[in-house]
């Protein structure tokens, strides 16, 4: 399987990577801030905002 991935043409890599990036970008833009708000206490966020 490793040999199959190393020998794939660049066009196939682009066809795999572009949709993955298109899907991952909005997920990261929504999920990461939500997780940060859930994990980081209000006091720490206030201190970081002041800085």
PDB file of N, CA and C in Angstrom:
ATOM      1  N   UNK A   1       0.824  -1.189   0.000  1.00  0.00           N
ATOM      2  CA  UNK A   1       0.000   0.000   0.000  1.00  0.00           C
ATOM      3  C   UNK A   1       0.875   1.262   0.000  1.00  0.00           C
ATOM      4  N   UNK A   2       1.989   1.211   0.736  1.00  0.00           N
ATOM      5  CA  UNK A   2       2.890   2.356   0.778  1.00  0.00           C
ATOM      6  C   UNK A   2       3.453   2.650  -0.615  1.00  0.00           C
ATOM      7  N   UNK A   3       3.802   1.606  -1.345  1.00  0.00           N
ATOM      8  CA  UNK A   3       4.327   1.793  -2.699  1.00  0.00           C
ATOM      9  C   UNK A   3       3.276   2.405  -3.615  1.00  0.00           C
ATOM     10  N   UNK A   4       2.020   2.051  -3.393  1.00  0.00           N
ATOM     11  CA  UNK A   4       0.940   2.614  -4.212  1.00  0.00           C
ATOM     12  C   UNK A   4       0.849   4.126  -4.008  1.00  0.00           C
ATOM     13  N   UNK A   5       0.921   4.574  -2.740  1.00  0.00           N
ATOM     14  CA  UNK A   5       0.828   6.005  -2.468  1.00  0.00           C
ATOM     15  C   UNK A   5       2.057   6.764  -2.955  1.00  0.00           C
ATOM     16  N   UNK A   6       3.222   6.160  -2.868  1.00  0.00           N
ATOM     17  CA  UNK A   6       4.431   6.871  -3.299  1.00  0.00           C
ATOM     18  C   UNK A   6       4.505   6.983  -4.812  1.00  0.00           C
ATOM     19  N   UNK A   7       3.833   6.101  -5.525  1.00  0.00           N
ATOM     20  CA  UNK A   7       3.893   6.131  -6.987  1.00  0.00           C
ATOM     21  C   UNK A   7       2.672   6.776  -7.636  1.00  0.00           C
ATOM     22  N   UNK A   8       1.810   7.397  -6.842  1.00  0.00           N
ATOM     23  CA  UNK A   8       0.628   8.042  -7.420  1.00  0.00           C
ATOM     24  C   UNK A   8       1.030   9.309  -8.171  1.00  0.00           C
ATOM     25  N   UNK A   9       0.382   9.561  -9.304  1.00  0.00           N
ATOM     26  CA  UNK A   9       0.681  10.793 -10.046  1.00  0.00           C
ATOM     27  C   UNK A   9       0.220  12.042  -9.270  1.00  0.00           C
ATOM     28  N   UNK A  10       0.815  13.168  -9.606  1.00  0.00           N
ATOM     29  CA  UNK A  10       0.507  14.416  -8.924  1.00  0.00           C
ATOM     30  C   UNK A  10      -0.962  14.791  -9.096  1.00  0.00           C
ATOM     31  N   UNK A  11      -1.540  14.494 -10.226  1.00  0.00           N
ATOM     32  CA  UNK A  11      -2.944  14.832 -10.471  1.00  0.00           C
ATOM     33  C   UNK A  11      -3.869  14.131  -9.482  1.00  0.00           C
ATOM     34  N   UNK A  12      -3.563  12.897  -9.163  1.00  0.00           N
ATOM     35  CA  UNK A  12      -4.365  12.146  -8.194  1.00  0.00           C
ATOM     36  C   UNK A  12      -4.203  12.743  -6.801  1.00  0.00           C
ATOM     37  N   UNK A  13      -2.976  13.139  -6.429  1.00  0.00           N
ATOM     38  CA  UNK A  13      -2.745  13.775  -5.134  1.00  0.00           C
ATOM     39  C   UNK A  13      -3.569  15.054  -5.017  1.00  0.00           C
ATOM     40  N   UNK A  14      -3.600  15.842  -6.089  1.00  0.00           N
ATOM     41  CA  UNK A  14      -4.373  17.091  -6.071  1.00  0.00           C
ATOM     42  C   UNK A  14      -5.854  16.780  -5.919  1.00  0.00           C
ATOM     43  N   UNK A  15      -6.333  15.760  -6.619  1.00  0.00           N
ATOM     44  CA  UNK A  15      -7.743  15.384  -6.517  1.00  0.00           C
ATOM     45  C   UNK A  15      -8.107  14.885  -5.118  1.00  0.00           C
ATOM     46  N   UNK A  16      -7.149  14.370  -4.387  1.00  0.00           N
ATOM     47  CA  UNK A  16      -7.397  13.922  -3.018  1.00  0.00           C
ATOM     48  C   UNK A  16      -7.246  15.050  -1.996  1.00  0.00           C
ATOM     49  N   UNK A  17      -6.256  15.905  -2.199  1.00  0.00           N
ATOM     50  CA  UNK A  17      -5.934  16.930  -1.207  1.00  0.00           C
ATOM     51  C   UNK A  17      -6.897  18.112  -1.255  1.00  0.00           C
ATOM     52  N   UNK A  18      -7.269  18.558  -2.425  1.00  0.00           N
ATOM     53  CA  UNK A  18      -8.118  19.749  -2.533  1.00  0.00           C
ATOM     54  C   UNK A  18      -9.467  19.548  -1.832  1.00  0.00           C
ATOM     55  N   UNK A  19     -10.192  18.463  -2.073  1.00  0.00           N
ATOM     56  CA  UNK A  19     -11.453  18.288  -1.326  1.00  0.00           C
ATOM     57  C   UNK A  19     -11.233  18.150   0.178  1.00  0.00           C
ATOM     58  N   UNK A  20     -10.138  17.524   0.576  1.00  0.00           N
ATOM     59  CA  UNK A  20      -9.854  17.386   2.009  1.00  0.00           C
ATOM     60  C   UNK A  20      -9.647  18.755   2.640  1.00  0.00           C
ATOM     61  N   UNK A  21      -8.942  19.642   1.969  1.00  0.00           N
ATOM     62  CA  UNK A  21      -8.712  20.996   2.489  1.00  0.00           C
ATOM     63  C   UNK A  21     -10.017  21.781   2.511  1.00  0.00           C
ATOM     64  N   UNK A  22     -10.823  21.627   1.471  1.00  0.00           N
ATOM     65  CA  UNK A  22     -12.102  22.345   1.400  1.00  0.00           C
ATOM     66  C   UNK A  22     -13.025  21.908   2.533  1.00  0.00           C
ATOM     67  N   UNK A  23     -12.987  20.643   2.893  1.00  0.00           N
ATOM     68  CA  UNK A  23     -13.821  20.144   3.986  1.00  0.00           C
ATOM     69  C   UNK A  23     -13.214  20.520   5.338  1.00  0.00           C
ATOM     70  N   UNK A  24     -11.902  20.434   5.468  1.00  0.00           N
ATOM     71  CA  UNK A  24     -11.258  20.653   6.763  1.00  0.00           C
ATOM     72  C   UNK A  24     -11.256  22.123   7.176  1.00  0.00           C
ATOM     73  N   UNK A  25     -11.161  23.037   6.251  1.00  0.00           N
ATOM     74  CA  UNK A  25     -11.047  24.456   6.596  1.00  0.00           C
ATOM     75  C   UNK A  25     -12.242  24.960   7.409  1.00  0.00           C
ATOM     76  N   UNK A  26     -13.486  24.775   6.935  1.00  0.00           N
ATOM     77  CA  UNK A  26     -14.603  25.269   7.755  1.00  0.00           C
ATOM     78  C   UNK A  26     -14.747  24.516   9.080  1.00  0.00           C
ATOM     79  N   UNK A  27     -14.424  23.236   9.072  1.00  0.00           N
ATOM     80  CA  UNK A  27     -14.509  22.467  10.312  1.00  0.00           C
ATOM     81  C   UNK A  27     -13.534  23.042  11.336  1.00  0.00           C
ATOM     82  N   UNK A  28     -12.319  23.321  10.913  1.00  0.00           N
ATOM     83  CA  UNK A  28     -11.318  23.884  11.822  1.00  0.00           C
ATOM     84  C   UNK A  28     -11.736  25.279  12.277  1.00  0.00           C
ATOM     85  N   UNK A  29     -12.286  26.074  11.374  1.00  0.00           N
ATOM     86  CA  UNK A  29     -12.702  27.436  11.726  1.00  0.00           C
ATOM     87  C   UNK A  29     -13.843  27.445  12.735  1.00  0.00           C
ATOM     88  N   UNK A  30     -14.652  26.395  12.793  1.00  0.00           N
ATOM     89  CA  UNK A  30     -15.781  26.335  13.718  1.00  0.00           C
ATOM     90  C   UNK A  30     -15.429  25.552  14.971  1.00  0.00           C
ATOM     91  N   UNK A  31     -14.787  24.406  14.817  1.00  0.00           N
ATOM     92  CA  UNK A  31     -14.546  23.498  15.939  1.00  0.00           C
ATOM     93  C   UNK A  31     -13.458  24.017  16.869  1.00  0.00           C
ATOM     94  N   UNK A  32     -12.357  24.509  16.340  1.00  0.00           N
ATOM     95  CA  UNK A  32     -11.240  24.946  17.186  1.00  0.00           C
ATOM     96  C   UNK A  32     -11.660  26.083  18.125  1.00  0.00           C
ATOM     97  N   UNK A  33     -12.313  27.136  17.652  1.00  0.00           N
ATOM     98  CA  UNK A  33     -12.742  28.168  18.600  1.00  0.00           C
ATOM     99  C   UNK A  33     -13.745  27.644  19.633  1.00  0.00           C
ATOM    100  N   UNK A  34     -14.632  26.739  19.232  1.00  0.00           N
ATOM    101  CA  UNK A  34     -15.600  26.176  20.182  1.00  0.00           C
ATOM    102  C   UNK A  34     -14.895  25.369  21.258  1.00  0.00           C
ATOM    103  N   UNK A  35     -13.889  24.611  20.879  1.00  0.00           N
ATOM    104  CA  UNK A  35     -13.140  23.825  21.856  1.00  0.00           C
ATOM    105  C   UNK A  35     -12.352  24.750  22.785  1.00  0.00           C
ATOM    106  N   UNK A  36     -11.758  25.781  22.229  1.00  0.00           N
ATOM    107  CA  UNK A  36     -11.004  26.724  23.060  1.00  0.00           C
ATOM    108  C   UNK A  36     -11.919  27.401  24.066  1.00  0.00           C
ATOM    109  N   UNK A  37     -13.116  27.808  23.621  1.00  0.00           N
ATOM    110  CA  UNK A  37     -14.055  28.442  24.548  1.00  0.00           C
ATOM    111  C   UNK A  37     -14.524  27.479  25.624  1.00  0.00           C
ATOM    112  N   UNK A  38     -14.614  26.216  25.293  1.00  0.00           N
ATOM    113  CA  UNK A  38     -15.062  25.227  26.265  1.00  0.00           C
ATOM    114  C   UNK A  38     -13.958  24.871  27.256  1.00  0.00           C
ATOM    115  N   UNK A  39     -12.711  24.902  26.816  1.00  0.00           N
ATOM    116  CA  UNK A  39     -11.609  24.436  27.655  1.00  0.00           C
ATOM    117  C   UNK A  39     -10.980  25.560  28.469  1.00  0.00           C
ATOM    118  N   UNK A  40     -10.783  26.693  27.847  1.00  0.00           N
ATOM    119  CA  UNK A  40     -10.058  27.787  28.503  1.00  0.00           C
ATOM    120  C   UNK A  40     -11.026  28.559  29.408  1.00  0.00           C
ATOM    121  N   UNK A  41     -10.699  28.698  30.681  1.00  0.00           N
ATOM    122  CA  UNK A  41     -11.579  29.435  31.602  1.00  0.00           C
ATOM    123  C   UNK A  41     -11.697  30.911  31.223  1.00  0.00           C
ATOM    124  N   UNK A  42     -12.741  31.520  31.697  1.00  0.00           N
ATOM    125  CA  UNK A  42     -13.024  32.929  31.398  1.00  0.00           C
ATOM    126  C   UNK A  42     -11.898  33.851  31.855  1.00  0.00           C
ATOM    127  N   UNK A  43     -11.302  33.578  32.994  1.00  0.00           N
ATOM    128  CA  UNK A  43     -10.237  34.435  33.528  1.00  0.00           C
ATOM    129  C   UNK A  43      -9.038  34.442  32.593  1.00  0.00           C
ATOM    130  N   UNK A  44      -8.655  33.273  32.099  1.00  0.00           N
ATOM    131  CA  UNK A  44      -7.500  33.185  31.217  1.00  0.00           C
ATOM    132  C   UNK A  44      -7.790  33.916  29.912  1.00  0.00           C
ATOM    133  N   UNK A  45      -9.006  33.770  29.409  1.00  0.00           N
ATOM    134  CA  UNK A  45      -9.358  34.493  28.184  1.00  0.00           C
ATOM    135  C   UNK A  45      -9.304  35.995  28.398  1.00  0.00           C
ATOM    136  N   UNK A  46      -9.742  36.472  29.566  1.00  0.00           N
ATOM    137  CA  UNK A  46      -9.694  37.907  29.860  1.00  0.00           C
ATOM    138  C   UNK A  46      -8.257  38.400  29.918  1.00  0.00           C
ATOM    139  N   UNK A  47      -7.391  37.642  30.576  1.00  0.00           N
ATOM    140  CA  UNK A  47      -5.977  38.018  30.669  1.00  0.00           C
ATOM    141  C   UNK A  47      -5.341  38.043  29.280  1.00  0.00           C
ATOM    142  N   UNK A  48      -5.625  37.046  28.476  1.00  0.00           N
ATOM    143  CA  UNK A  48      -5.063  37.013  27.126  1.00  0.00           C
ATOM    144  C   UNK A  48      -5.613  38.144  26.272  1.00  0.00           C
ATOM    145  N   UNK A  49      -6.856  38.525  26.487  1.00  0.00           N
ATOM    146  CA  UNK A  49      -7.441  39.624  25.737  1.00  0.00           C
ATOM    147  C   UNK A  49      -6.774  40.955  26.116  1.00  0.00           C
ATOM    148  N   UNK A  50      -6.434  41.112  27.376  1.00  0.00           N
ATOM    149  CA  UNK A  50      -5.775  42.345  27.828  1.00  0.00           C
ATOM    150  C   UNK A  50      -4.393  42.462  27.227  1.00  0.00           C
ATOM    151  N   UNK A  51      -3.707  41.333  27.135  1.00  0.00           N
ATOM    152  CA  UNK A  51      -2.360  41.339  26.570  1.00  0.00           C
ATOM    153  C   UNK A  51      -2.467  41.677  25.104  1.00  0.00           C
TER     154      UNK A  51
END
